[in-house]
Amino acid sequence: MSTGAVLYIIRNVLKVNLRKKFKVHQLKMTHIQKRGARFWKLYLKLKCDKWRDFVTSDEAMIYLCGSYGRRRVCYVRLAENAGDKLKFVKRDAFARGVMAWAAVSSRGKLEIRIIPVSD
């Protein structure tokens, strides 16, 4: 049976939708309010050329072959709520990755550093 036939049966015959857990966070109203309150404090710290003394850095994990990990998915009917029905249904091997680190300031940027992950 082809993939298209399976998807047709799931969507049109069984009338269920696939819902996937989002991989990124979604901001709630309380988080938005906290960011608004903290922004003013940051502004006060950076005014009058004080921003020249700051260095901003960030790091990220980079997966070279893609990330094929466990995903939380479930099939629910159109009128149902997903709630706690999300289950781990797919399990694949995780890809190898490296960590990248970079920094920037008012005086320029640093070279991107690649940090190997220890086993």
PDB file of N, CA and C in Angstrom:
ATOM      1  N   MET A   1       0.847  -1.164   0.000  1.00  0.00           N
ATOM      2  CA  MET A   1       0.000   0.000   0.000  1.00  0.00           C
ATOM      3  C   MET A   1       0.899   1.236   0.000  1.00  0.00           C
ATOM      4  N   SER A   2       0.571   2.202  -0.829  1.00  0.00           N
ATOM      5  CA  SER A   2       1.410   3.388  -0.950  1.00  0.00           C
ATOM      6  C   SER A   2       1.170   4.359   0.206  1.00  0.00           C
ATOM      7  N   THR A   3       2.110   5.270   0.359  1.00  0.00           N
ATOM      8  CA  THR A   3       1.993   6.280   1.412  1.00  0.00           C
ATOM      9  C   THR A   3       0.792   7.185   1.172  1.00  0.00           C
ATOM     10  N   GLY A   4       0.560   7.528  -0.079  1.00  0.00           N
ATOM     11  CA  GLY A   4      -0.584   8.373  -0.410  1.00  0.00           C
ATOM     12  C   GLY A   4      -1.905   7.719  -0.060  1.00  0.00           C
ATOM     13  N   ALA A   5      -2.003   6.400  -0.287  1.00  0.00           N
ATOM     14  CA  ALA A   5      -3.233   5.685   0.052  1.00  0.00           C
ATOM     15  C   ALA A   5      -3.462   5.673   1.559  1.00  0.00           C
ATOM     16  N   VAL A   6      -2.393   5.481   2.318  1.00  0.00           N
ATOM     17  CA  VAL A   6      -2.512   5.482   3.778  1.00  0.00           C
ATOM     18  C   VAL A   6      -2.955   6.856   4.270  1.00  0.00           C
ATOM     19  N   LEU A   7      -2.345   7.914   3.736  1.00  0.00           N
ATOM     20  CA  LEU A   7      -2.729   9.262   4.141  1.00  0.00           C
ATOM     21  C   LEU A   7      -4.170   9.571   3.755  1.00  0.00           C
ATOM     22  N   TYR A   8      -4.620   9.097   2.589  1.00  0.00           N
ATOM     23  CA  TYR A   8      -6.006   9.306   2.166  1.00  0.00           C
ATOM     24  C   TYR A   8      -6.969   8.638   3.141  1.00  0.00           C
ATOM     25  N   ILE A   9      -6.661   7.417   3.546  1.00  0.00           N
ATOM     26  CA  ILE A   9      -7.535   6.693   4.482  1.00  0.00           C
ATOM     27  C   ILE A   9      -7.575   7.412   5.830  1.00  0.00           C
ATOM     28  N   ILE A  10      -6.413   7.849   6.307  1.00  0.00           N
ATOM     29  CA  ILE A  10      -6.364   8.524   7.608  1.00  0.00           C
ATOM     30  C   ILE A  10      -7.163   9.824   7.575  1.00  0.00           C
ATOM     31  N   ARG A  11      -6.993  10.618   6.516  1.00  0.00           N
ATOM     32  CA  ARG A  11      -7.642  11.932   6.462  1.00  0.00           C
ATOM     33  C   ARG A  11      -9.113  11.862   6.075  1.00  0.00           C
ATOM     34  N   ASN A  12      -9.444  11.065   5.065  1.00  0.00           N
ATOM     35  CA  ASN A  12     -10.796  11.118   4.508  1.00  0.00           C
ATOM     36  C   ASN A  12     -11.721  10.022   5.020  1.00  0.00           C
ATOM     37  N   VAL A  13     -11.204   8.829   5.267  1.00  0.00           N
ATOM     38  CA  VAL A  13     -12.062   7.741   5.730  1.00  0.00           C
ATOM     39  C   VAL A  13     -12.204   7.791   7.250  1.00  0.00           C
ATOM     40  N   LEU A  14     -11.085   7.840   7.960  1.00  0.00           N
ATOM     41  CA  LEU A  14     -11.124   7.888   9.420  1.00  0.00           C
ATOM     42  C   LEU A  14     -11.395   9.292   9.955  1.00  0.00           C
ATOM     43  N   LYS A  15     -11.170  10.303   9.124  1.00  0.00           N
ATOM     44  CA  LYS A  15     -11.370  11.711   9.473  1.00  0.00           C
ATOM     45  C   LYS A  15     -10.615  12.109  10.747  1.00  0.00           C
ATOM     46  N   VAL A  16      -9.322  11.840  10.757  1.00  0.00           N
ATOM     47  CA  VAL A  16      -8.466  12.258  11.861  1.00  0.00           C
ATOM     48  C   VAL A  16      -7.329  13.112  11.305  1.00  0.00           C
ATOM     49  N   ASN A  17      -6.801  13.958  12.137  1.00  0.00           N
ATOM     50  CA  ASN A  17      -5.683  14.812  11.761  1.00  0.00           C
ATOM     51  C   ASN A  17      -4.442  14.398  12.526  1.00  0.00           C
ATOM     52  N   LEU A  18      -3.302  14.556  11.900  1.00  0.00           N
ATOM     53  CA  LEU A  18      -2.029  14.311  12.566  1.00  0.00           C
ATOM     54  C   LEU A  18      -1.613  15.595  13.264  1.00  0.00           C
ATOM     55  N   ARG A  19      -1.348  15.508  14.549  1.00  0.00           N
ATOM     56  CA  ARG A  19      -0.866  16.659  15.303  1.00  0.00           C
ATOM     57  C   ARG A  19       0.511  16.330  15.838  1.00  0.00           C
ATOM     58  N   LYS A  20       1.443  17.218  15.577  1.00  0.00           N
ATOM     59  CA  LYS A  20       2.814  17.021  16.029  1.00  0.00           C
ATOM     60  C   LYS A  20       3.127  18.041  17.111  1.00  0.00           C
ATOM     61  N   LYS A  21       3.964  17.647  18.047  1.00  0.00           N
ATOM     62  CA  LYS A  21       4.404  18.575  19.079  1.00  0.00           C
ATOM     63  C   LYS A  21       5.379  19.557  18.443  1.00  0.00           C
ATOM     64  N   PHE A  22       5.191  20.836  18.712  1.00  0.00           N
ATOM     65  CA  PHE A  22       6.070  21.844  18.148  1.00  0.00           C
ATOM     66  C   PHE A  22       7.475  21.687  18.706  1.00  0.00           C
ATOM     67  N   LYS A  23       8.477  21.921  17.858  1.00  0.00           N
ATOM     68  CA  LYS A  23       9.861  21.788  18.281  1.00  0.00           C
ATOM     69  C   LYS A  23      10.378  23.059  18.949  1.00  0.00           C
ATOM     70  N   VAL A  24       9.665  24.163  18.789  1.00  0.00           N
ATOM     71  CA  VAL A  24      10.077  25.412  19.408  1.00  0.00           C
ATOM     72  C   VAL A  24       9.057  25.810  20.455  1.00  0.00           C
ATOM     73  N   HIS A  25       9.483  26.635  21.397  1.00  0.00           N
ATOM     74  CA  HIS A  25       8.569  27.064  22.444  1.00  0.00           C
ATOM     75  C   HIS A  25       7.657  28.165  21.920  1.00  0.00           C
ATOM     76  N   GLN A  26       6.493  28.258  22.502  1.00  0.00           N
ATOM     77  CA  GLN A  26       5.558  29.316  22.165  1.00  0.00           C
ATOM     78  C   GLN A  26       5.421  30.225  23.381  1.00  0.00           C
ATOM     79  N   LEU A  27       5.486  31.523  23.149  1.00  0.00           N
ATOM     80  CA  LEU A  27       5.415  32.468  24.254  1.00  0.00           C
ATOM     81  C   LEU A  27       3.991  32.592  24.771  1.00  0.00           C
ATOM     82  N   LYS A  28       3.857  32.537  26.076  1.00  0.00           N
ATOM     83  CA  LYS A  28       2.568  32.787  26.713  1.00  0.00           C
ATOM     84  C   LYS A  28       2.500  34.264  27.081  1.00  0.00           C
ATOM     85  N   MET A  29       1.314  34.722  27.450  1.00  0.00           N
ATOM     86  CA  MET A  29       1.134  36.135  27.769  1.00  0.00           C
ATOM     87  C   MET A  29       2.006  36.562  28.953  1.00  0.00           C
ATOM     88  N   THR A  30       2.195  35.683  29.931  1.00  0.00           N
ATOM     89  CA  THR A  30       3.042  36.041  31.078  1.00  0.00           C
ATOM     90  C   THR A  30       4.494  36.253  30.657  1.00  0.00           C
ATOM     91  N   HIS A  31       4.972  35.437  29.706  1.00  0.00           N
ATOM     92  CA  HIS A  31       6.341  35.607  29.217  1.00  0.00           C
ATOM     93  C   HIS A  31       6.493  36.929  28.468  1.00  0.00           C
ATOM     94  N   ILE A  32       5.480  37.293  27.689  1.00  0.00           N
ATOM     95  CA  ILE A  32       5.534  38.553  26.948  1.00  0.00           C
ATOM     96  C   ILE A  32       5.574  39.728  27.915  1.00  0.00           C
ATOM     97  N   GLN A  33       4.780  39.667  28.982  1.00  0.00           N
ATOM     98  CA  GLN A  33       4.772  40.741  29.972  1.00  0.00           C
ATOM     99  C   GLN A  33       6.117  40.833  30.695  1.00  0.00           C
ATOM    100  N   LYS A  34       6.717  39.688  31.020  1.00  0.00           N
ATOM    101  CA  LYS A  34       8.024  39.703  31.680  1.00  0.00           C
ATOM    102  C   LYS A  34       9.085  40.309  30.773  1.00  0.00           C
ATOM    103  N   ARG A  35       9.036  39.979  29.484  1.00  0.00           N
ATOM    104  CA  ARG A  35      10.013  40.551  28.559  1.00  0.00           C
ATOM    105  C   ARG A  35       9.856  42.063  28.465  1.00  0.00           C
ATOM    106  N   GLY A  36       8.603  42.527  28.458  1.00  0.00           N
ATOM    107  CA  GLY A  36       8.375  43.973  28.418  1.00  0.00           C
ATOM    108  C   GLY A  36       8.916  44.677  29.647  1.00  0.00           C
ATOM    109  N   ALA A  37       8.763  44.054  30.811  1.00  0.00           N
ATOM    110  CA  ALA A  37       9.264  44.655  32.050  1.00  0.00           C
ATOM    111  C   ALA A  37      10.789  44.631  32.088  1.00  0.00           C
ATOM    112  N   ARG A  38      11.389  43.574  31.601  1.00  0.00           N
ATOM    113  CA  ARG A  38      12.850  43.456  31.644  1.00  0.00           C
ATOM    114  C   ARG A  38      13.527  44.320  30.584  1.00  0.00           C
ATOM    115  N   PHE A  39      12.802  44.638  29.524  1.00  0.00           N
ATOM    116  CA  PHE A  39      13.384  45.445  28.458  1.00  0.00           C
ATOM    117  C   PHE A  39      13.791  46.817  28.982  1.00  0.00           C
ATOM    118  N   TRP A  40      12.973  47.421  29.845  1.00  0.00           N
ATOM    119  CA  TRP A  40      13.287  48.744  30.371  1.00  0.00           C
ATOM    120  C   TRP A  40      14.569  48.713  31.194  1.00  0.00           C
ATOM    121  N   LYS A  41      14.753  47.668  31.991  1.00  0.00           N
ATOM    122  CA  LYS A  41      15.982  47.542  32.781  1.00  0.00           C
ATOM    123  C   LYS A  41      17.196  47.408  31.865  1.00  0.00           C
ATOM    124  N   LEU A  42      17.054  46.658  30.785  1.00  0.00           N
ATOM    125  CA  LEU A  42      18.151  46.517  29.830  1.00  0.00           C
ATOM    126  C   LEU A  42      18.457  47.849  29.164  1.00  0.00           C
ATOM    127  N   TYR A  43      17.430  48.602  28.819  1.00  0.00           N
ATOM    128  CA  TYR A  43      17.638  49.916  28.214  1.00  0.00           C
ATOM    129  C   TYR A  43      18.427  50.827  29.152  1.00  0.00           C
ATOM    130  N   LEU A  44      18.069  50.816  30.433  1.00  0.00           N
ATOM    131  CA  LEU A  44      18.771  51.667  31.396  1.00  0.00           C
ATOM    132  C   LEU A  44      20.241  51.272  31.528  1.00  0.00           C
ATOM    133  N   LYS A  45      20.537  49.983  31.405  1.00  0.00           N
ATOM    134  CA  LYS A  45      21.932  49.531  31.487  1.00  0.00           C
ATOM    135  C   LYS A  45      22.745  49.929  30.259  1.00  0.00           C
ATOM    136  N   LEU A  46      22.097  50.037  29.090  1.00  0.00           N
ATOM    137  CA  LEU A  46      22.826  50.241  27.843  1.00  0.00           C
ATOM    138  C   LEU A  46      22.841  51.685  27.356  1.00  0.00           C
ATOM    139  N   LYS A  47      22.121  52.598  28.003  1.00  0.00           N
ATOM    140  CA  LYS A  47      22.065  53.979  27.510  1.00  0.00           C
ATOM    141  C   LYS A  47      23.399  54.687  27.750  1.00  0.00           C
ATOM    142  N   CYS A  48      23.584  55.815  27.098  1.00  0.00           N
ATOM    143  CA  CYS A  48      24.779  56.670  27.238  1.00  0.00           C
ATOM    144  C   CYS A  48      26.067  55.929  26.872  1.00  0.00           C
ATOM    145  N   ASP A  49      26.063  55.233  25.779  1.00  0.00           N
ATOM    146  CA  ASP A  49      27.245  54.526  25.249  1.00  0.00           C
ATOM    147  C   ASP A  49      27.782  53.435  26.159  1.00  0.00           C
ATOM    148  N   LYS A  50      26.989  52.960  27.112  1.00  0.00           N
ATOM    149  CA  LYS A  50      27.420  51.832  27.937  1.00  0.00           C
ATOM    150  C   LYS A  50      27.390  50.528  27.148  1.00  0.00           C
ATOM    151  N   TRP A  51      26.671  50.532  26.019  1.00  0.00           N
ATOM    152  CA  TRP A  51      26.568  49.320  25.213  1.00  0.00           C
ATOM    153  C   TRP A  51      27.915  48.933  24.616  1.00  0.00           C
ATOM    154  N   ARG A  52      28.872  49.852  24.594  1.00  0.00           N
ATOM    155  CA  ARG A  52      30.185  49.547  24.022  1.00  0.00           C
ATOM    156  C   ARG A  52      30.982  48.570  24.881  1.00  0.00           C
ATOM    157  N   ASP A  53      30.590  48.388  26.127  1.00  0.00           N
ATOM    158  CA  ASP A  53      31.318  47.504  27.032  1.00  0.00           C
ATOM    159  C   ASP A  53      30.767  46.081  27.052  1.00  0.00           C
ATOM    160  N   PHE A  54      29.737  45.777  26.274  1.00  0.00           N
ATOM    161  CA  PHE A  54      29.093  44.472  26.327  1.00  0.00           C
ATOM    162  C   PHE A  54      29.612  43.538  25.243  1.00  0.00           C
ATOM    163  N   VAL A  55      29.668  42.270  25.581  1.00  0.00           N
ATOM    164  CA  VAL A  55      29.992  41.206  24.634  1.00  0.00           C
ATOM    165  C   VAL A  55      28.824  40.228  24.639  1.00  0.00           C
ATOM    166  N   THR A  56      28.338  39.899  23.463  1.00  0.00           N
ATOM    167  CA  THR A  56      27.236  38.948  23.343  1.00  0.00           C
ATOM    168  C   THR A  56      27.772  37.672  22.720  1.00  0.00           C
ATOM    169  N   SER A  57      27.488  36.541  23.348  1.00  0.00           N
ATOM    170  CA  SER A  57      27.932  35.262  22.798  1.00  0.00           C
ATOM    171  C   SER A  57      26.761  34.299  22.753  1.00  0.00           C
ATOM    172  N   ASP A  58      26.897  33.300  21.905  1.00  0.00           N
ATOM    173  CA  ASP A  58      25.852  32.295  21.769  1.00  0.00           C
ATOM    174  C   ASP A  58      26.500  30.993  21.330  1.00  0.00           C
ATOM    175  N   GLU A  59      25.876  29.908  21.725  1.00  0.00           N
ATOM    176  CA  GLU A  59      26.350  28.594  21.299  1.00  0.00           C
ATOM    177  C   GLU A  59      25.159  27.810  20.766  1.00  0.00           C
ATOM    178  N   ALA A  60      25.445  26.839  19.902  1.00  0.00           N
ATOM    179  CA  ALA A  60      24.380  26.026  19.323  1.00  0.00           C
ATOM    180  C   ALA A  60      24.931  24.649  18.985  1.00  0.00           C
ATOM    181  N   MET A  61      24.088  23.643  19.146  1.00  0.00           N
ATOM    182  CA  MET A  61      24.436  22.290  18.711  1.00  0.00           C
ATOM    183  C   MET A  61      24.050  22.150  17.247  1.00  0.00           C
ATOM    184  N   ILE A  62      24.952  21.643  16.443  1.00  0.00           N
ATOM    185  CA  ILE A  62      24.707  21.458  15.017  1.00  0.00           C
ATOM    186  C   ILE A  62      24.812  19.974  14.727  1.00  0.00           C
ATOM    187  N   TYR A  63      23.737  19.410  14.193  1.00  0.00           N
ATOM    188  CA  TYR A  63      23.725  17.995  13.846  1.00  0.00           C
ATOM    189  C   TYR A  63      24.011  17.862  12.362  1.00  0.00           C
ATOM    190  N   LEU A  64      25.041  17.131  12.035  1.00  0.00           N
ATOM    191  CA  LEU A  64      25.538  17.087  10.670  1.00  0.00           C
ATOM    192  C   LEU A  64      24.680  16.243   9.738  1.00  0.00           C
ATOM    193  N   CYS A  65      24.045  15.218  10.253  1.00  0.00           N
ATOM    194  CA  CYS A  65      23.261  14.324   9.402  1.00  0.00           C
ATOM    195  C   CYS A  65      21.760  14.496   9.613  1.00  0.00           C
ATOM    196  N   GLY A  66      21.320  15.548  10.250  1.00  0.00           N
ATOM    197  CA  GLY A  66      19.912  15.721  10.579  1.00  0.00           C
ATOM    198  C   GLY A  66      19.631  15.120  11.939  1.00  0.00           C
ATOM    199  N   SER A  67      18.530  15.470  12.483  1.00  0.00           N
ATOM    200  CA  SER A  67      18.158  14.982  13.807  1.00  0.00           C
ATOM    201  C   SER A  67      16.966  14.055  13.673  1.00  0.00           C
ATOM    202  N   TYR A  68      17.187  12.786  13.820  1.00  0.00           N
ATOM    203  CA  TYR A  68      16.119  11.798  13.680  1.00  0.00           C
ATOM    204  C   TYR A  68      15.861  11.164  15.038  1.00  0.00           C
ATOM    205  N   GLY A  69      15.284  11.916  15.923  1.00  0.00           N
ATOM    206  CA  GLY A  69      15.037  11.428  17.270  1.00  0.00           C
ATOM    207  C   GLY A  69      13.591  11.018  17.463  1.00  0.00           C
ATOM    208  N   ARG A  70      13.195  10.876  18.725  1.00  0.00           N
ATOM    209  CA  ARG A  70      11.830  10.510  19.046  1.00  0.00           C
ATOM    210  C   ARG A  70      10.939  11.731  18.876  1.00  0.00           C
ATOM    211  N   ARG A  71       9.755  11.538  18.321  1.00  0.00           N
ATOM    212  CA  ARG A  71       8.810  12.625  18.147  1.00  0.00           C
ATOM    213  C   ARG A  71       7.497  12.260  18.802  1.00  0.00           C
ATOM    214  N   ARG A  72       6.865  13.261  19.379  1.00  0.00           N
ATOM    215  CA  ARG A  72       5.575  13.037  20.006  1.00  0.00           C
ATOM    216  C   ARG A  72       4.485  13.351  18.985  1.00  0.00           C
ATOM    217  N   VAL A  73       3.745  12.343  18.569  1.00  0.00           N
ATOM    218  CA  VAL A  73       2.657  12.527  17.611  1.00  0.00           C
ATOM    219  C   VAL A  73       1.463  11.702  18.052  1.00  0.00           C
ATOM    220  N   CYS A  74       0.295  12.068  17.569  1.00  0.00           N
ATOM    221  CA  CYS A  74      -0.901  11.264  17.795  1.00  0.00           C
ATOM    222  C   CYS A  74      -1.926  11.628  16.734  1.00  0.00           C
ATOM    223  N   TYR A  75      -2.863  10.746  16.506  1.00  0.00           N
ATOM    224  CA  TYR A  75      -3.974  11.012  15.609  1.00  0.00           C
ATOM    225  C   TYR A  75      -5.205  11.267  16.459  1.00  0.00           C
ATOM    226  N   VAL A  76      -5.898  12.378  16.216  1.00  0.00           N
ATOM    227  CA  VAL A  76      -7.108  12.705  16.969  1.00  0.00           C
ATOM    228  C   VAL A  76      -8.210  13.076  15.990  1.00  0.00           C
ATOM    229  N   ARG A  77      -9.430  12.846  16.386  1.00  0.00           N
ATOM    230  CA  ARG A  77     -10.575  13.237  15.571  1.00  0.00           C
ATOM    231  C   ARG A  77     -10.698  14.757  15.595  1.00  0.00           C
ATOM    232  N   LEU A  78     -11.435  15.315  14.634  1.00  0.00           N
ATOM    233  CA  LEU A  78     -11.497  16.762  14.484  1.00  0.00           C
ATOM    234  C   LEU A  78     -12.072  17.459  15.713  1.00  0.00           C
ATOM    235  N   ALA A  79     -13.031  16.859  16.398  1.00  0.00           N
ATOM    236  CA  ALA A  79     -13.676  17.506  17.538  1.00  0.00           C
ATOM    237  C   ALA A  79     -12.952  17.232  18.857  1.00  0.00           C
ATOM    238  N   GLU A  80     -11.959  16.359  18.872  1.00  0.00           N
ATOM    239  CA  GLU A  80     -11.272  15.986  20.105  1.00  0.00           C
ATOM    240  C   GLU A  80     -10.122  16.935  20.410  1.00  0.00           C
ATOM    241  N   ASN A  81      -9.743  16.948  21.659  1.00  0.00           N
ATOM    242  CA  ASN A  81      -8.577  17.705  22.102  1.00  0.00           C
ATOM    243  C   ASN A  81      -7.417  16.720  22.270  1.00  0.00           C
ATOM    244  N   ALA A  82      -6.234  17.096  21.812  1.00  0.00           N
ATOM    245  CA  ALA A  82      -5.090  16.178  21.881  1.00  0.00           C
ATOM    246  C   ALA A  82      -4.713  15.882  23.329  1.00  0.00           C
ATOM    247  N   GLY A  83      -4.663  16.920  24.156  1.00  0.00           N
ATOM    248  CA  GLY A  83      -4.380  16.743  25.577  1.00  0.00           C
ATOM    249  C   GLY A  83      -3.145  15.915  25.844  1.00  0.00           C
ATOM    250  N   ASP A  84      -3.299  14.865  26.645  1.00  0.00           N
ATOM    251  CA  ASP A  84      -2.177  14.004  27.014  1.00  0.00           C
ATOM    252  C   ASP A  84      -2.059  12.784  26.114  1.00  0.00           C
ATOM    253  N   LYS A  85      -2.700  12.794  24.969  1.00  0.00           N
ATOM    254  CA  LYS A  85      -2.659  11.637  24.078  1.00  0.00           C
ATOM    255  C   LYS A  85      -1.360  11.541  23.293  1.00  0.00           C
ATOM    256  N   LEU A  86      -0.565  12.607  23.302  1.00  0.00           N
ATOM    257  CA  LEU A  86       0.681  12.580  22.547  1.00  0.00           C
ATOM    258  C   LEU A  86       1.606  11.520  23.119  1.00  0.00           C
ATOM    259  N   LYS A  87       2.109  10.655  22.270  1.00  0.00           N
ATOM    260  CA  LYS A  87       2.983   9.570  22.694  1.00  0.00           C
ATOM    261  C   LYS A  87       4.195   9.520  21.784  1.00  0.00           C
ATOM    262  N   PHE A  88       5.269   8.948  22.303  1.00  0.00           N
ATOM    263  CA  PHE A  88       6.453   8.745  21.478  1.00  0.00           C
ATOM    264  C   PHE A  88       6.192   7.552  20.564  1.00  0.00           C
ATOM    265  N   VAL A  89       6.103   7.817  19.272  1.00  0.00           N
ATOM    266  CA  VAL A  89       5.794   6.734  18.351  1.00  0.00           C
ATOM    267  C   VAL A  89       6.907   6.476  17.349  1.00  0.00           C
ATOM    268  N   LYS A  90       7.864   7.355  17.263  1.00  0.00           N
ATOM    269  CA  LYS A  90       8.929   7.165  16.292  1.00  0.00           C
ATOM    270  C   LYS A  90      10.262   7.212  17.014  1.00  0.00           C
ATOM    271  N   ARG A  91      11.107   6.256  16.757  1.00  0.00           N
ATOM    272  CA  ARG A  91      12.410   6.208  17.419  1.00  0.00           C
ATOM    273  C   ARG A  91      13.466   5.893  16.378  1.00  0.00           C
ATOM    274  N   ASP A  92      14.382   6.810  16.196  1.00  0.00           N
ATOM    275  CA  ASP A  92      15.505   6.611  15.293  1.00  0.00           C
ATOM    276  C   ASP A  92      16.786   6.962  16.036  1.00  0.00           C
ATOM    277  N   ALA A  93      17.900   6.613  15.452  1.00  0.00           N
ATOM    278  CA  ALA A  93      19.185   6.921  16.067  1.00  0.00           C
ATOM    279  C   ALA A  93      19.463   8.417  15.945  1.00  0.00           C
ATOM    280  N   PHE A  94      20.053   8.990  16.978  1.00  0.00           N
ATOM    281  CA  PHE A  94      20.404  10.397  16.931  1.00  0.00           C
ATOM    282  C   PHE A  94      21.686  10.575  16.127  1.00  0.00           C
ATOM    283  N   ALA A  95      21.746  11.664  15.399  1.00  0.00           N
ATOM    284  CA  ALA A  95      22.917  11.948  14.580  1.00  0.00           C
ATOM    285  C   ALA A  95      24.034  12.522  15.448  1.00  0.00           C
ATOM    286  N   ARG A  96      25.249  12.425  14.966  1.00  0.00           N
ATOM    287  CA  ARG A  96      26.393  13.006  15.657  1.00  0.00           C
ATOM    288  C   ARG A  96      26.375  14.513  15.429  1.00  0.00           C
ATOM    289  N   GLY A  97      26.823  15.259  16.401  1.00  0.00           N
ATOM    290  CA  GLY A  97      26.801  16.706  16.268  1.00  0.00           C
ATOM    291  C   GLY A  97      28.023  17.352  16.879  1.00  0.00           C
ATOM    292  N   VAL A  98      28.152  18.628  16.644  1.00  0.00           N
ATOM    293  CA  VAL A  98      29.210  19.438  17.223  1.00  0.00           C
ATOM    294  C   VAL A  98      28.574  20.697  17.803  1.00  0.00           C
ATOM    295  N   MET A  99      29.303  21.347  18.681  1.00  0.00           N
ATOM    296  CA  MET A  99      28.827  22.604  19.234  1.00  0.00           C
ATOM    297  C   MET A  99      29.608  23.743  18.597  1.00  0.00           C
ATOM    298  N   ALA A 100      28.886  24.777  18.175  1.00  0.00           N
ATOM    299  CA  ALA A 100      29.513  25.969  17.611  1.00  0.00           C
ATOM    300  C   ALA A 100      29.302  27.125  18.582  1.00  0.00           C
ATOM    301  N   TRP A 101      30.337  27.950  18.769  1.00  0.00           N
ATOM    302  CA  TRP A 101      30.271  29.089  19.682  1.00  0.00           C
ATOM    303  C   TRP A 101      30.805  30.314  18.965  1.00  0.00           C
ATOM    304  N   ALA A 102      30.112  31.437  19.131  1.00  0.00           N
ATOM    305  CA  ALA A 102      30.542  32.687  18.513  1.00  0.00           C
ATOM    306  C   ALA A 102      30.213  33.842  19.448  1.00  0.00           C
ATOM    307  N   ALA A 103      30.935  34.947  19.288  1.00  0.00           N
ATOM    308  CA  ALA A 103      30.706  36.135  20.104  1.00  0.00           C
ATOM    309  C   ALA A 103      30.893  37.380  19.247  1.00  0.00           C
ATOM    310  N   VAL A 104      30.195  38.451  19.648  1.00  0.00           N
ATOM    311  CA  VAL A 104      30.288  39.727  18.935  1.00  0.00           C
ATOM    312  C   VAL A 104      30.212  40.857  19.961  1.00  0.00           C
ATOM    313  N   SER A 105      30.948  41.928  19.681  1.00  0.00           N
ATOM    314  CA  SER A 105      30.911  43.112  20.543  1.00  0.00           C
ATOM    315  C   SER A 105      30.957  44.344  19.648  1.00  0.00           C
ATOM    316  N   SER A 106      31.022  45.511  20.265  1.00  0.00           N
ATOM    317  CA  SER A 106      31.074  46.746  19.475  1.00  0.00           C
ATOM    318  C   SER A 106      32.406  46.889  18.747  1.00  0.00           C
ATOM    319  N   ARG A 107      33.407  46.161  19.176  1.00  0.00           N
ATOM    320  CA  ARG A 107      34.733  46.248  18.556  1.00  0.00           C
ATOM    321  C   ARG A 107      34.955  45.218  17.459  1.00  0.00           C
ATOM    322  N   GLY A 108      33.987  44.366  17.227  1.00  0.00           N
ATOM    323  CA  GLY A 108      34.125  43.367  16.176  1.00  0.00           C
ATOM    324  C   GLY A 108      33.596  42.021  16.613  1.00  0.00           C
ATOM    325  N   LYS A 109      33.893  41.022  15.811  1.00  0.00           N
ATOM    326  CA  LYS A 109      33.400  39.679  16.101  1.00  0.00           C
ATOM    327  C   LYS A 109      34.569  38.729  16.300  1.00  0.00           C
ATOM    328  N   LEU A 110      34.305  37.670  17.046  1.00  0.00           N
ATOM    329  CA  LEU A 110      35.293  36.617  17.218  1.00  0.00           C
ATOM    330  C   LEU A 110      35.082  35.549  16.158  1.00  0.00           C
ATOM    331  N   GLU A 111      36.099  34.807  15.924  1.00  0.00           N
ATOM    332  CA  GLU A 111      36.011  33.690  14.991  1.00  0.00           C
ATOM    333  C   GLU A 111      35.110  32.601  15.585  1.00  0.00           C
ATOM    334  N   ILE A 112      34.315  31.953  14.753  1.00  0.00           N
ATOM    335  CA  ILE A 112      33.430  30.885  15.228  1.00  0.00           C
ATOM    336  C   ILE A 112      34.286  29.706  15.677  1.00  0.00           C
ATOM    337  N   ARG A 113      34.047  29.232  16.879  1.00  0.00           N
ATOM    338  CA  ARG A 113      34.793  28.101  17.436  1.00  0.00           C
ATOM    339  C   ARG A 113      33.936  26.851  17.342  1.00  0.00           C
ATOM    340  N   ILE A 114      34.519  25.765  16.876  1.00  0.00           N
ATOM    341  CA  ILE A 114      33.844  24.473  16.812  1.00  0.00           C
ATOM    342  C   ILE A 114      34.359  23.628  17.970  1.00  0.00           C
ATOM    343  N   ILE A 115      33.441  23.168  18.810  1.00  0.00           N
ATOM    344  CA  ILE A 115      33.804  22.391  19.993  1.00  0.00           C
ATOM    345  C   ILE A 115      33.283  20.977  19.805  1.00  0.00           C
ATOM    346  N   PRO A 116      34.151  19.971  19.703  1.00  0.00           N
ATOM    347  CA  PRO A 116      33.670  18.600  19.526  1.00  0.00           C
ATOM    348  C   PRO A 116      32.993  18.089  20.790  1.00  0.00           C
ATOM    349  N   VAL A 117      31.971  17.281  20.612  1.00  0.00           N
ATOM    350  CA  VAL A 117      31.242  16.711  21.741  1.00  0.00           C
ATOM    351  C   VAL A 117      31.961  15.451  22.183  1.00  0.00           C
ATOM    352  N   SER A 118      32.227  15.339  23.474  1.00  0.00           N
ATOM    353  CA  SER A 118      32.912  14.151  23.979  1.00  0.00           C
ATOM    354  C   SER A 118      31.934  12.993  24.086  1.00  0.00           C
ATOM    355  N   ASP A 119      32.420  11.778  23.923  1.00  0.00           N
ATOM    356  CA  ASP A 119      31.566  10.581  24.001  1.00  0.00           C
ATOM    357  C   ASP A 119      31.346  10.157  25.421  1.00  0.00           C
TER     358      ASP A 119
END
